[in-house]
Amino acid sequence: MASNIRQAGEGEASDSDRLMALLAYIIGFIVPLIILLTEGKNRPFQRYHAVQALALDIAWLVIFILLNIFISIVSAVTFGLGLVLACLFPIAGLVAVVLFIYYAVLAYQGKYFDVPVVTAFCRERGWLQAGGA
């Protein structure tokens, strides 16, 4: 689920930093944007999790749109298979909810972690520092 987990240094993540990081994963798009548009962007712990949560939100949105298009196309071709896929679609939503809660708990515990693919993507573009902070 998450790799390269490390604890934030002493005094690096205050209670409010940890709470904002948790909310960034739980309340998608809104809280990460608020953090990045306000003073939270100057708090390394908040900024790290806001960028990562926002990127994760966008990635899940793209996956859900593509999955919906795929199911629609399959349904148009073969109704039976499309119906089966449509019934399995909520499982993808449940996986997303569980992952976001897991990441929120890790963030609230004051940890930096890498989300597979998403964190590497953000680091390649310079949105996150390579060291994790």
Protein backbone atom coordinates (compact mmCIF):
# COMPACT_ATOMS: atom_id res chain seq x y z
CA MET A 1 0.00 0.00 0.00
CA ALA A 2 2.53 2.60 1.11
CA SER A 3 6.25 2.19 0.89
CA ASN A 4 9.24 4.00 2.31
CA ILE A 5 7.49 5.01 5.54
CA ARG A 6 9.45 7.25 7.91
CA GLN A 7 8.52 9.20 11.00
CA ALA A 8 8.66 12.99 10.87
CA GLY A 9 11.46 14.49 12.96
CA GLU A 10 10.92 15.92 16.43
CA GLY A 11 8.99 19.19 16.18
CA GLU A 12 8.59 18.76 12.41
CA ALA A 13 4.87 17.94 12.53
CA SER A 14 2.69 19.70 15.08
CA ASP A 15 -0.78 18.49 16.03
CA SER A 16 -2.35 20.92 13.57
CA ASP A 17 0.04 19.79 10.82
CA ARG A 18 -0.95 16.18 11.40
CA LEU A 19 -4.66 17.06 11.48
CA MET A 20 -4.42 19.00 8.21
CA ALA A 21 -2.51 16.11 6.61
CA LEU A 22 -5.26 13.69 7.72
CA LEU A 23 -7.96 15.98 6.33
CA ALA A 24 -6.08 16.31 3.03
CA TYR A 25 -6.62 12.60 2.39
CA ILE A 26 -10.15 12.36 3.82
CA ILE A 27 -11.66 15.52 2.27
CA GLY A 28 -10.26 15.28 -1.23
CA PHE A 29 -9.43 18.23 -3.47
CA ILE A 30 -10.73 20.92 -1.08
CA VAL A 31 -8.33 20.62 1.87
CA PRO A 32 -5.19 20.02 -0.22
CA LEU A 33 -6.01 23.12 -2.27
CA ILE A 34 -6.66 25.16 0.87
CA ILE A 35 -3.31 24.05 2.31
CA LEU A 36 -1.47 24.89 -0.91
CA LEU A 37 -3.15 28.29 -1.26
CA THR A 38 -2.70 29.41 2.35
CA GLU A 39 0.05 29.47 4.92
CA GLY A 40 0.06 25.66 5.07
CA LYS A 41 2.28 25.63 1.98
CA ASN A 42 5.10 26.94 4.20
CA ARG A 43 4.74 23.97 6.58
CA PRO A 44 6.79 21.10 5.02
CA PHE A 45 4.69 18.30 6.54
CA GLN A 46 1.40 19.85 5.42
CA ARG A 47 2.74 20.70 1.99
CA TYR A 48 4.11 17.18 1.40
CA HIS A 49 0.80 15.52 2.24
CA ALA A 50 -1.31 18.15 0.45
CA VAL A 51 0.62 17.66 -2.80
CA GLN A 52 0.54 13.90 -2.48
CA ALA A 53 -3.18 13.79 -1.54
CA LEU A 54 -4.12 16.11 -4.41
CA ALA A 55 -2.15 14.01 -6.91
CA LEU A 56 -3.77 10.87 -5.52
CA ASP A 57 -7.24 12.46 -5.83
CA ILE A 58 -6.57 13.33 -9.46
CA ALA A 59 -5.18 9.85 -10.20
CA TRP A 60 -8.28 8.17 -8.72
CA LEU A 61 -10.56 10.53 -10.65
CA VAL A 62 -8.84 9.61 -13.93
CA ILE A 63 -9.00 5.89 -13.08
CA PHE A 64 -12.73 6.12 -12.29
CA ILE A 65 -13.48 8.02 -15.50
CA LEU A 66 -11.53 5.51 -17.60
CA LEU A 67 -13.17 2.59 -15.80
CA ASN A 68 -16.59 4.12 -16.41
CA ILE A 69 -15.86 4.59 -20.12
CA PHE A 70 -14.59 1.01 -20.36
CA ILE A 71 -17.71 -0.38 -18.65
CA SER A 72 -19.94 1.71 -20.93
CA ILE A 73 -18.21 0.41 -24.05
CA VAL A 74 -18.36 -3.19 -22.85
CA SER A 75 -22.04 -2.75 -21.95
CA ALA A 76 -22.79 -1.49 -25.45
CA VAL A 77 -21.12 -4.54 -26.98
CA THR A 78 -22.20 -7.29 -24.57
CA PHE A 79 -24.87 -6.40 -22.05
CA GLY A 80 -24.21 -9.38 -19.75
CA LEU A 81 -20.50 -8.70 -19.27
CA GLY A 82 -21.18 -4.99 -18.91
CA LEU A 83 -23.70 -5.71 -16.18
CA VAL A 84 -21.20 -7.89 -14.31
CA LEU A 85 -18.52 -5.18 -14.57
CA ALA A 86 -21.00 -2.52 -13.45
CA CYS A 87 -21.81 -4.62 -10.38
CA LEU A 88 -18.09 -4.90 -9.58
CA PHE A 89 -17.53 -1.15 -10.01
CA PRO A 90 -18.39 -0.32 -6.36
CA ILE A 91 -15.47 -2.50 -5.28
CA ALA A 92 -13.10 0.03 -6.88
CA GLY A 93 -14.78 2.76 -4.83
CA LEU A 94 -14.39 0.73 -1.66
CA VAL A 95 -10.70 0.17 -2.40
CA ALA A 96 -10.27 3.93 -2.84
CA VAL A 97 -12.00 4.68 0.47
CA VAL A 98 -9.88 2.12 2.36
CA LEU A 99 -6.63 3.43 0.83
CA PHE A 100 -7.45 7.05 1.60
CA ILE A 101 -8.30 6.18 5.21
CA TYR A 102 -5.06 4.18 5.53
CA TYR A 103 -3.00 7.09 4.16
CA ALA A 104 -4.86 9.55 6.41
CA VAL A 105 -4.05 7.46 9.50
CA LEU A 106 -0.37 7.28 8.53
CA ALA A 107 -0.28 11.05 8.01
CA TYR A 108 -1.98 11.65 11.37
CA GLN A 109 0.67 9.48 13.02
CA GLY A 110 3.23 12.01 11.76
CA LYS A 111 4.71 9.82 9.04
CA TYR A 112 6.03 10.55 5.60
CA PHE A 113 5.34 7.77 3.10
CA ASP A 114 5.44 7.09 -0.60
CA VAL A 115 2.27 6.23 -2.50
CA PRO A 116 3.33 3.89 -5.32
CA VAL A 117 3.56 5.68 -8.69
CA VAL A 118 1.98 8.93 -7.38
CA THR A 119 4.91 10.03 -5.18
CA ALA A 120 7.46 9.20 -7.87
CA PHE A 121 5.41 11.19 -10.39
CA CYS A 122 5.31 14.20 -8.04
CA ARG A 123 9.04 14.01 -7.31
CA GLU A 124 9.93 13.82 -11.03
CA ARG A 125 8.12 17.10 -11.55
CA GLY A 126 9.73 18.76 -8.53
CA TRP A 127 6.48 19.03 -6.58
CA LEU A 128 7.95 16.97 -3.71
CA GLN A 129 11.49 16.91 -2.42
CA ALA A 130 13.39 13.64 -2.86
CA GLY A 131 14.10 13.33 0.86
CA GLY A 132 10.44 13.07 1.76
CA ALA A 133 10.13 16.33 3.65
